[in-house]
Protein backbone atom coordinates (compact mmCIF):
# COMPACT_ATOMS: atom_id res chain seq x y z
CA MET A 1 20.09 120.28 1.59
CA MET A 2 20.91 120.12 5.08
CA ARG A 3 17.15 120.11 6.40
CA ASP A 4 15.79 117.37 4.70
CA GLN A 5 19.10 115.43 5.49
CA LEU A 6 18.21 116.09 9.04
CA LYS A 7 14.24 114.89 8.43
CA GLU A 8 15.14 111.57 7.37
CA LEU A 9 17.47 110.73 10.44
CA ALA A 10 15.73 108.77 13.72
CA THR A 11 17.57 110.85 16.10
CA GLU A 12 16.27 114.24 14.74
CA GLN A 13 12.11 112.88 14.73
CA PRO A 14 10.21 114.48 17.38
CA ASN A 15 9.08 112.44 20.21
CA LYS A 16 5.62 111.74 20.30
CA ARG A 17 5.80 109.94 23.76
CA THR A 18 6.93 113.67 25.32
CA GLU A 19 5.36 115.96 23.27
CA GLN A 20 3.91 117.28 26.25
CA ILE A 21 7.23 117.22 28.47
CA ASP A 22 7.06 120.94 28.84
CA THR A 23 3.66 121.06 30.79
CA LEU A 24 4.40 118.37 33.57
CA PRO A 25 5.62 118.51 37.19
CA THR A 26 9.59 117.80 37.43
CA GLU A 27 9.08 113.90 38.68
CA ARG A 28 6.63 113.16 35.40
CA ILE A 29 9.60 114.71 33.46
CA LEU A 30 12.19 112.60 35.26
CA GLU A 31 9.96 109.62 34.58
CA LEU A 32 9.44 109.88 30.76
CA ILE A 33 13.21 110.80 30.30
CA ASN A 34 13.68 107.07 31.92
CA GLU A 35 11.25 105.24 30.33
CA GLU A 36 13.19 106.73 27.29
CA ASP A 37 16.56 105.71 28.38
CA GLN A 38 15.15 102.18 29.56
CA GLN A 39 15.09 101.70 25.67
CA VAL A 40 18.49 101.91 24.99
CA ALA A 41 20.53 98.66 26.81
CA ILE A 42 17.90 96.85 24.46
CA VAL A 43 19.25 98.40 21.35
CA VAL A 44 22.43 97.99 22.44
CA LYS A 45 22.03 94.27 22.76
CA GLY A 46 21.00 94.13 19.31
CA CYS A 47 24.12 95.41 18.33
CA LEU A 48 26.11 92.81 20.12
CA SER A 49 27.22 90.64 17.00
CA ALA A 50 28.93 93.86 15.73
CA ILE A 51 30.29 95.16 18.75
CA ALA A 52 32.70 91.53 19.34
CA SER A 53 33.78 92.04 15.34
CA ALA A 54 35.19 95.30 16.71
CA VAL A 55 36.36 94.00 19.54
CA GLU A 56 38.59 91.49 17.17
CA MET A 57 39.76 93.77 15.20
CA VAL A 58 40.82 96.36 18.00
CA THR A 59 42.52 93.22 19.80
CA ALA A 60 44.29 92.15 16.54
CA ALA A 61 45.52 95.59 15.96
CA ILE A 62 46.75 96.44 19.74
CA ALA A 63 48.23 93.15 19.70
CA GLY A 64 50.37 93.87 16.79
CA GLY A 65 51.70 96.98 17.85
CA GLY A 66 49.07 99.15 16.36
CA ARG A 67 46.56 101.68 18.03
CA LEU A 68 42.80 102.46 18.60
CA ILE A 69 41.77 106.11 17.54
CA TYR A 70 38.94 107.59 18.19
CA VAL A 71 37.66 110.23 15.91
CA GLY A 72 34.66 112.45 17.31
CA ALA A 73 32.94 115.65 17.66
CA GLY A 74 30.75 117.69 20.11
CA SER A 75 29.06 114.77 22.52
CA SER A 76 30.14 112.00 20.97
CA GLY A 77 33.80 113.08 20.67
CA ARG A 78 33.73 113.68 24.60
CA ILE A 79 32.60 110.66 25.39
CA ALA A 80 35.10 109.03 22.80
CA GLN A 81 37.91 111.01 24.86
CA GLN A 82 36.88 109.80 28.18
CA ASP A 83 36.94 106.44 27.19
CA ALA A 84 40.30 106.80 26.08
CA LEU A 85 41.78 108.82 29.17
CA GLU A 86 40.61 106.05 31.39
CA CYS A 87 42.35 103.04 29.62
CA PRO A 88 45.87 104.02 30.92
CA PRO A 89 44.85 104.10 34.74
CA THR A 90 42.35 101.29 34.70
CA TYR A 91 44.12 99.10 32.08
CA GLY A 92 47.92 100.26 32.42
CA THR A 93 47.87 100.59 28.33
CA ALA A 94 51.13 102.66 27.20
CA PRO A 95 50.33 106.60 26.09
CA GLY A 96 48.95 106.86 22.63
CA ILE A 97 47.66 103.32 22.31
CA VAL A 98 44.23 104.82 22.96
CA GLN A 99 43.53 107.99 21.97
CA CYS A 100 40.85 110.67 21.04
CA ILE A 101 40.87 112.99 17.81
CA LEU A 102 38.28 115.72 18.77
CA ALA A 103 36.69 117.98 16.03
CA GLY A 104 38.19 121.68 16.82
CA GLY A 105 40.77 119.89 19.22
CA ASN A 106 40.98 119.67 23.11
CA SER A 107 39.97 123.13 23.42
CA ILE A 108 36.14 122.48 23.03
CA ASN A 109 36.29 120.84 26.58
CA HIS A 110 36.29 124.59 28.00
CA SER A 111 35.00 126.46 24.97
CA PRO A 112 32.64 124.45 21.96
CA ASP A 113 33.28 125.35 18.72
CA GLU A 114 30.42 123.52 17.33
CA LYS A 115 31.70 124.75 13.09
CA ALA A 116 34.64 122.26 13.64
CA GLU A 117 32.49 119.17 13.11
CA ASP A 118 31.69 120.48 9.23
CA ASP A 119 35.35 120.66 8.51
CA PHE A 120 35.93 117.05 6.29
CA ALA A 121 39.46 118.32 5.50
CA ALA A 122 40.45 118.64 8.96
CA GLY A 123 39.37 115.21 10.11
CA ALA A 124 41.47 114.08 6.84
CA GLU A 125 44.08 115.93 8.13
CA GLU A 126 44.57 114.83 11.50
CA ILE A 127 44.63 111.45 10.89
CA SER A 128 47.61 111.89 8.58
CA GLN A 129 49.51 113.86 10.79
CA ARG A 130 48.74 110.97 13.58
CA LYS A 131 51.08 108.87 10.86
CA VAL A 132 47.71 106.44 10.78
CA THR A 133 49.07 102.98 9.25
CA ALA A 134 47.55 99.42 8.37
CA GLN A 135 48.45 98.17 11.95
CA ASP A 136 45.66 100.97 13.35
CA VAL A 137 41.80 100.86 14.16
CA VAL A 138 40.42 104.13 13.54
CA VAL A 139 36.78 104.38 15.00
CA GLY A 140 34.54 107.27 14.04
CA ILE A 141 31.65 108.18 16.36
CA ALA A 142 28.80 110.13 15.36
CA ALA A 143 24.94 110.06 16.19
CA SER A 144 23.97 111.38 12.72
CA GLY A 145 26.34 109.26 10.56
CA ARG A 146 27.10 111.96 8.69
CA THR A 147 29.53 114.21 10.59
CA PRO A 148 32.10 115.50 7.86
CA PHE A 149 34.78 115.83 10.18
CA VAL A 150 34.71 112.37 11.33
CA LEU A 151 34.07 111.19 7.72
CA GLY A 152 36.90 113.08 6.34
CA ALA A 153 39.15 110.98 9.09
CA MET A 154 37.60 107.71 8.20
CA LYS A 155 38.46 107.91 4.72
CA GLN A 156 41.58 108.87 5.10
CA ALA A 157 42.37 106.19 7.47
CA ALA A 158 41.03 103.60 5.01
CA ALA A 159 43.28 105.05 2.45
CA LEU A 160 46.19 104.99 4.36
CA GLY A 161 45.42 101.15 5.03
CA ALA A 162 43.75 101.01 8.36
CA LYS A 163 40.73 99.55 9.75
CA VAL A 164 37.99 101.29 10.15
CA ILE A 165 34.87 101.14 12.75
CA GLY A 166 31.53 103.69 12.66
CA ILE A 167 29.69 103.96 15.59
CA CYS A 168 26.53 105.94 14.79
CA ASN A 169 22.92 106.08 15.94
CA ASN A 170 20.73 105.61 12.24
CA ARG A 171 20.85 103.58 9.64
CA GLY A 172 22.07 103.60 5.89
CA THR A 173 24.17 106.55 6.67
CA PRO A 174 27.40 107.51 4.72
CA MET A 175 29.12 106.40 7.96
CA ALA A 176 28.20 102.71 6.72
CA GLU A 177 30.08 103.27 3.23
CA ALA A 178 33.04 104.54 4.90
CA ALA A 179 33.68 101.84 7.63
CA ASP A 180 35.05 98.21 7.24
CA LEU A 181 32.04 97.71 10.08
CA VAL A 182 29.31 99.82 11.14
CA ILE A 183 27.44 99.86 14.41
CA GLU A 184 24.15 101.04 14.16
CA ALA A 185 22.73 101.61 17.50
CA VAL A 186 19.29 103.11 16.61
CA THR A 187 18.22 104.68 19.50
CA GLY A 188 15.17 106.76 18.18
CA PRO A 189 13.44 109.98 18.55
CA GLU A 190 15.41 112.02 21.80
CA ALA A 191 13.00 112.87 24.71
CA ILE A 192 13.89 116.37 23.53
CA MET A 193 14.10 116.55 19.69
CA GLY A 194 17.80 116.91 18.42
CA SER A 195 19.22 116.20 22.04
CA THR A 196 21.63 113.19 21.06
CA ARG A 197 23.58 113.86 24.26
CA MET A 198 20.93 111.52 25.59
CA LYS A 199 19.92 108.50 24.52
CA ALA A 200 22.28 108.20 21.52
CA GLY A 201 25.28 109.47 23.91
CA THR A 202 24.11 106.59 26.40
CA ALA A 203 24.43 104.23 23.83
CA GLN A 204 27.63 105.50 22.35
CA LYS A 205 28.76 105.24 26.28
CA MET A 206 27.91 101.78 26.09
CA ILE A 207 29.42 100.48 23.25
CA LEU A 208 32.93 102.33 23.87
CA ASN A 209 32.56 100.74 27.29
CA MET A 210 31.94 97.55 25.92
CA LEU A 211 34.53 97.73 23.17
CA THR A 212 37.95 98.78 25.76
CA THR A 213 36.91 96.21 28.48
CA ALA A 214 36.11 93.35 26.00
CA THR A 215 39.55 94.26 24.18
CA MET A 216 41.43 94.43 27.57
CA ILE A 217 40.29 91.08 28.87
CA ARG A 218 41.43 89.23 25.31
CA LEU A 219 44.76 91.00 25.77
CA GLY A 220 45.40 89.72 29.28
CA LYS A 221 44.91 92.96 31.31
CA VAL A 222 41.71 91.10 33.37
CA TYR A 223 42.38 87.86 35.67
CA LYS A 224 38.75 86.75 36.70
CA ASN A 225 36.97 90.14 36.62
CA LEU A 226 39.96 91.81 38.65
CA MET A 227 41.80 95.10 37.06
CA VAL A 228 45.25 93.12 37.05
CA ASP A 229 47.24 96.25 35.18
CA LEU A 230 45.89 99.12 36.87
CA GLN A 231 48.00 101.92 37.67
CA ALA A 232 48.60 102.05 41.37
CA ASP A 233 49.55 106.14 41.39
CA ASN A 234 47.77 107.38 44.53
CA SER A 235 46.94 105.70 47.69
CA LYS A 236 43.97 104.61 47.13
CA LEU A 237 44.83 102.82 44.06
CA VAL A 238 47.52 100.99 45.73
CA ASP A 239 45.07 99.60 48.57
CA ARG A 240 43.00 98.67 45.63
CA ALA A 241 46.30 97.07 43.96
CA LYS A 242 47.05 95.06 46.96
CA ARG A 243 42.84 93.76 47.78
CA ILE A 244 43.20 92.66 44.00
CA VAL A 245 45.98 90.50 45.08
CA GLU A 246 44.33 89.34 48.16
CA ILE A 247 40.95 88.41 46.11
CA ALA A 248 43.09 86.60 43.53
CA THR A 249 44.80 84.51 45.51
CA ASN A 250 42.99 84.19 48.94
CA VAL A 251 46.05 84.67 50.78
CA SER A 252 46.74 86.47 53.96
CA VAL A 253 47.09 90.32 54.39
CA LYS A 254 51.03 89.53 55.66
CA GLU A 255 51.55 87.52 52.72
CA VAL A 256 50.23 89.76 50.08
CA GLU A 257 52.32 92.53 51.64
CA ARG A 258 55.40 90.38 51.67
CA ALA A 259 54.70 89.69 47.52
CA TYR A 260 53.77 93.11 46.22
CA ALA A 261 57.09 94.56 47.35
CA ALA A 262 59.01 91.73 45.82
CA ALA A 263 56.82 92.65 42.64
CA LYS A 264 58.11 96.25 43.27
CA GLY A 265 54.08 97.25 43.20
CA ASP A 266 53.17 94.84 39.65
CA VAL A 267 50.18 93.32 40.45
CA LYS A 268 50.48 90.35 38.18
CA THR A 269 53.81 89.34 39.01
CA ALA A 270 52.70 89.20 42.92
CA ILE A 271 49.84 86.97 41.89
CA VAL A 272 51.78 84.81 40.20
CA ILE A 273 54.49 84.65 42.44
CA LEU A 274 51.85 83.73 45.12
CA ALA A 275 50.01 81.76 42.81
CA ALA A 276 52.68 79.55 41.56
CA GLY A 277 54.79 79.61 44.20
CA VAL A 278 57.92 81.16 42.45
CA ASP A 279 60.24 84.10 42.75
CA SER A 280 59.56 87.81 41.20
CA SER A 281 61.95 86.92 38.18
CA GLU A 282 60.31 84.01 37.47
CA ALA A 283 57.24 85.38 37.62
CA ARG A 284 57.96 88.06 35.49
CA ARG A 285 59.49 85.58 33.23
CA LYS A 286 56.44 83.35 32.84
CA LEU A 287 54.42 86.49 32.45
CA ALA A 288 56.79 87.78 29.53
CA GLU A 289 56.16 84.54 28.01
CA HIS A 290 52.80 84.55 27.73
CA ASP A 291 52.21 88.06 26.85
CA GLY A 292 51.00 88.70 30.42
CA HIS A 293 48.38 86.42 30.56
CA ILE A 294 47.95 85.19 34.12
CA ARG A 295 46.07 82.21 33.47
CA LYS A 296 48.72 80.91 31.09
CA ALA A 297 51.42 82.00 32.82
CA MET A 298 50.44 79.82 35.62
CA ASN A 299 49.46 77.01 33.51
CA GLY A 300 52.36 76.70 31.21
CA GLY A 301 50.39 78.70 28.32
CA ILE A 302 47.56 76.60 28.69
CA GLU A 303 44.25 78.80 29.17
CA VAL A 304 42.56 77.41 31.85
CA GLY A 305 39.10 78.20 34.24
């Protein structure tokens, strides 16, 4: 029975530290929530080895022409959707390389359909419609580790040969059986029982930040700690792009402007123009030869510090 299943989950237990929270003044309520939140980073630290393995899987998939596809429901799905949506402007990923499947579709952002997460077959069908192959990595996210829509998607992805990763906030769940790799960030009872948008959701957000950020670093979309593949689509981002070139090369603003114009607004090309002392055509050639990795482009394929 569902009631018995919920009783077993760490995320569904009452939290003794906050059981009088409704009797407290506002600042003490906030202190208790903050105290609970402080545990999340420690829990995620314990998952770093598994997250690193996930990064290697996703990096290999994208480098090989595959995709990263998140699947989630409710809060977990919306957290994953945010991460997917932010990859193109931040790291210049092509549309569809990082995407998200939400139980109930994108309309749930306006009018949530909580029943959609119970549909196992719908999750599987979404994977089939996306034409998932062995080149892809599918990441299921669910605090409980047993959401039917997510499990349906994960199992169908595995059947189609894709690598499958699970992210949950409980141990020994059905998600572990459906995944090649499972990341179990056990954040424990929430400040408000069962409100997994709190600690569980925070852990999921942290893990997804790490997953895509480290993947993009491995793919050469970061130089030093700079976002060199950002899409400068408005005046603020153009200013940021030029500032990145300036910081990366330590040259005058006038030289940055000249290189940025020659590179037609491509940050990587502008950096190589200035750092390697070549023209725009040669800078582009070097970058293409080394899969967009700036350090290799400037050092004949040798990855140096």
